[in-house]
Amino acid sequence: MTKVYVRKDSLGTILGVSTSPLEGYLAVHDDQEPAIAKFLNDPLGLKNAAPTTEAVGKERDRRLALGFNYDFGDERGVHHFATTEADMRGWDRVTKLKDVMLQGGDTTSTITIATATGITQVTAPEWNEILLYAGMHFEQPLYQASFALQAMNPIPADYATNPAYWPA
């Protein structure tokens, strides 16, 4: 048990707690009083705050940045494609090159790319296959899961940790 000084607003809401007297902090209280203990344990009142749609969006974005595995189905094997913001800038450059190649009718020249697994080459049509796979099997399931969570009222407190809410 520690004696503390408490600062409150005009409605009695605790704004601050100090172990020494400060300007605006009045009266000596016991730090075990329920309202004071609650404030000391969670001063911003966030521990039991209901999850928000923004929080679900951040969790989706975190999961999108983890990347995915793609099986080329040949000697190149399975590569892990990284999908952080920096990686996606690289994806954009490869996609622009692929578009120009296809517009010129080039379906056989290769583009050298670096995945999280290593360096490999892809043709423009193969890059299209990777883009389609990423969208259909990686991005869309995560977006769909996040949309379903954001539509829930209330959003479950374990939305970020419960694997039942997210694709495997």
Protein backbone atom coordinates (compact mmCIF):
# COMPACT_ATOMS: atom_id res chain seq x y z
CA MET A 1 0.00 0.00 0.00
CA THR A 2 1.45 3.31 -1.12
CA LYS A 3 0.00 6.74 -0.51
CA VAL A 4 -0.44 8.66 -3.76
CA TYR A 5 -1.65 12.06 -4.94
CA VAL A 6 -4.38 12.07 -7.56
CA ARG A 7 -5.29 14.58 -10.26
CA LYS A 8 -8.92 14.47 -11.44
CA ASP A 9 -10.99 16.41 -13.93
CA SER A 10 -14.25 18.18 -13.03
CA LEU A 11 -16.19 14.93 -13.53
CA GLY A 12 -13.92 12.98 -11.18
CA THR A 13 -12.06 11.08 -13.89
CA ILE A 14 -8.49 10.32 -12.86
CA LEU A 15 -6.01 12.12 -15.07
CA GLY A 16 -2.82 11.29 -13.21
CA VAL A 17 -1.29 9.70 -10.13
CA SER A 18 1.94 10.69 -8.39
CA THR A 19 3.84 9.51 -5.33
CA SER A 20 4.81 13.10 -4.54
CA PRO A 21 2.74 16.28 -4.35
CA LEU A 22 2.49 18.08 -7.69
CA GLU A 23 0.54 21.13 -8.76
CA GLY A 24 -3.03 20.10 -9.47
CA TYR A 25 -2.68 16.77 -7.64
CA LEU A 26 -4.80 16.76 -4.53
CA ALA A 27 -5.48 14.57 -1.54
CA VAL A 28 -3.56 11.56 -0.41
CA HIS A 29 -5.06 8.22 -1.44
CA ASP A 30 -4.20 4.54 -1.19
CA ASP A 31 -2.90 3.18 -4.50
CA GLN A 32 -5.00 0.03 -3.91
CA GLU A 33 -8.30 1.93 -4.15
CA PRO A 34 -10.10 0.32 -7.11
CA ALA A 35 -10.23 3.39 -9.35
CA ILE A 36 -6.59 4.26 -8.67
CA ALA A 37 -5.38 0.67 -9.12
CA LYS A 38 -7.28 0.45 -12.42
CA PHE A 39 -5.71 3.71 -13.63
CA LEU A 40 -2.22 2.57 -12.63
CA ASN A 41 -2.72 -0.77 -14.41
CA ASP A 42 -4.13 0.76 -17.63
CA PRO A 43 -3.69 4.56 -17.70
CA LEU A 44 -4.97 4.96 -21.26
CA GLY A 45 -7.87 2.53 -20.84
CA LEU A 46 -6.74 0.40 -23.78
CA LYS A 47 -6.35 -3.04 -22.26
CA ASN A 48 -10.03 -3.87 -22.44
CA ALA A 49 -10.90 -1.62 -25.35
CA ALA A 50 -12.96 -3.28 -28.05
CA PRO A 51 -10.99 -4.03 -31.23
CA THR A 52 -11.57 -1.59 -34.08
CA THR A 53 -11.89 -2.04 -37.83
CA GLU A 54 -8.59 -0.14 -38.12
CA ALA A 55 -6.89 -2.70 -35.86
CA VAL A 56 -8.21 -5.53 -38.05
CA GLY A 57 -6.86 -3.71 -41.12
CA LYS A 58 -3.44 -3.42 -39.51
CA GLU A 59 -3.46 -7.12 -38.70
CA ARG A 60 -4.41 -7.90 -42.31
CA ASP A 61 -1.57 -5.70 -43.55
CA ARG A 62 0.86 -7.43 -41.16
CA ARG A 63 -0.20 -10.79 -42.55
CA LEU A 64 0.04 -9.54 -46.15
CA ALA A 65 3.66 -8.53 -45.50
CA LEU A 66 4.62 -12.11 -44.49
CA GLY A 67 4.76 -13.36 -48.07
CA PHE A 68 3.79 -16.70 -49.59
CA ASN A 69 5.25 -19.81 -51.19
CA TYR A 70 4.89 -20.43 -54.92
CA ASP A 71 5.70 -23.73 -56.61
CA PHE A 72 7.07 -23.27 -60.11
CA GLY A 73 6.40 -26.94 -60.80
CA ASP A 74 9.84 -27.47 -62.33
CA GLU A 75 13.52 -27.52 -61.29
CA ARG A 76 13.13 -24.06 -59.73
CA GLY A 77 10.97 -25.67 -57.06
CA VAL A 78 9.16 -23.70 -54.37
CA HIS A 79 10.15 -20.09 -53.76
CA HIS A 80 9.05 -17.83 -50.92
CA PHE A 81 7.90 -14.51 -52.35
CA ALA A 82 8.39 -11.63 -49.91
CA THR A 83 5.62 -9.02 -49.84
CA THR A 84 6.76 -6.13 -47.64
CA GLU A 85 6.21 -2.59 -48.94
CA ALA A 86 9.78 -2.54 -50.27
CA ASP A 87 9.28 -5.91 -51.95
CA MET A 88 6.06 -4.70 -53.57
CA ARG A 89 7.94 -1.80 -55.16
CA GLY A 90 10.13 -4.43 -56.82
CA TRP A 91 7.03 -6.34 -57.87
CA ASP A 92 5.75 -3.16 -59.51
CA ARG A 93 8.94 -2.76 -61.57
CA VAL A 94 8.84 -6.41 -62.70
CA THR A 95 5.15 -6.08 -63.56
CA LYS A 96 5.81 -2.98 -65.70
CA LEU A 97 8.60 -4.77 -67.54
CA LYS A 98 6.37 -7.83 -68.04
CA ASP A 99 3.62 -5.60 -69.48
CA VAL A 100 5.98 -4.01 -72.02
CA MET A 101 7.34 -7.42 -72.99
CA LEU A 102 3.86 -8.82 -73.59
CA GLN A 103 2.78 -5.72 -75.54
CA GLY A 104 5.76 -6.35 -77.80
CA GLY A 105 4.83 -10.02 -78.18
CA ASP A 106 7.77 -11.32 -76.14
CA THR A 107 6.72 -14.42 -74.22
CA THR A 108 10.10 -16.18 -74.05
CA SER A 109 12.71 -13.72 -72.76
CA THR A 110 13.36 -13.96 -69.04
CA ILE A 111 13.32 -11.45 -66.22
CA THR A 112 15.72 -12.13 -63.36
CA ILE A 113 14.04 -11.79 -59.98
CA ALA A 114 15.18 -12.26 -56.40
CA THR A 115 12.77 -14.07 -54.11
CA ALA A 116 13.33 -14.72 -50.42
CA THR A 117 14.53 -18.18 -51.53
CA GLY A 118 17.03 -17.00 -54.12
CA ILE A 119 17.54 -15.64 -57.60
CA THR A 120 15.59 -17.13 -60.49
CA GLN A 121 14.24 -16.19 -63.90
CA VAL A 122 10.66 -15.88 -65.11
CA THR A 123 9.06 -15.17 -68.45
CA ALA A 124 6.35 -12.54 -68.78
CA PRO A 125 3.57 -15.18 -68.86
CA GLU A 126 5.05 -16.85 -65.78
CA TRP A 127 5.04 -13.53 -63.93
CA ASN A 128 1.34 -13.21 -64.81
CA GLU A 129 0.77 -16.67 -63.29
CA ILE A 130 2.56 -15.58 -60.10
CA LEU A 131 0.46 -12.40 -59.93
CA LEU A 132 -2.74 -14.39 -60.36
CA TYR A 133 -1.67 -16.94 -57.74
CA ALA A 134 -0.73 -14.17 -55.27
CA GLY A 135 -4.06 -12.43 -55.73
CA MET A 136 -6.29 -15.49 -55.62
CA HIS A 137 -4.52 -17.67 -53.05
CA PHE A 138 -2.73 -15.17 -50.80
CA GLU A 139 -4.15 -11.64 -50.88
CA GLN A 140 -7.86 -12.23 -51.48
CA PRO A 141 -8.33 -14.77 -48.67
CA LEU A 142 -6.71 -12.32 -46.22
CA TYR A 143 -8.86 -9.44 -47.44
CA GLN A 144 -12.01 -11.57 -47.25
CA ALA A 145 -11.17 -12.64 -43.69
CA SER A 146 -10.51 -9.05 -42.64
CA PHE A 147 -13.77 -7.84 -44.23
CA ALA A 148 -15.72 -10.54 -42.36
CA LEU A 149 -14.05 -9.55 -39.07
CA GLN A 150 -14.65 -5.84 -39.67
CA ALA A 151 -18.35 -6.56 -40.24
CA MET A 152 -18.68 -8.31 -36.86
CA ASN A 153 -20.23 -6.39 -33.99
CA PRO A 154 -18.44 -6.66 -31.73
CA ILE A 155 -15.13 -7.66 -33.30
CA PRO A 156 -13.81 -10.63 -31.30
CA ALA A 157 -11.07 -9.73 -28.84
CA ASP A 158 -8.92 -12.60 -30.18
CA TYR A 159 -9.28 -11.56 -33.84
CA ALA A 160 -5.49 -11.33 -34.28
CA THR A 161 -4.48 -14.54 -32.51
CA ASN A 162 -7.28 -17.00 -33.25
CA PRO A 163 -6.40 -18.95 -36.43
CA ALA A 164 -10.08 -19.66 -37.03
CA TYR A 165 -10.53 -16.11 -38.33
CA TRP A 166 -7.69 -16.21 -40.87
CA PRO A 167 -6.75 -18.47 -43.78
CA ALA A 168 -4.02 -21.03 -43.11
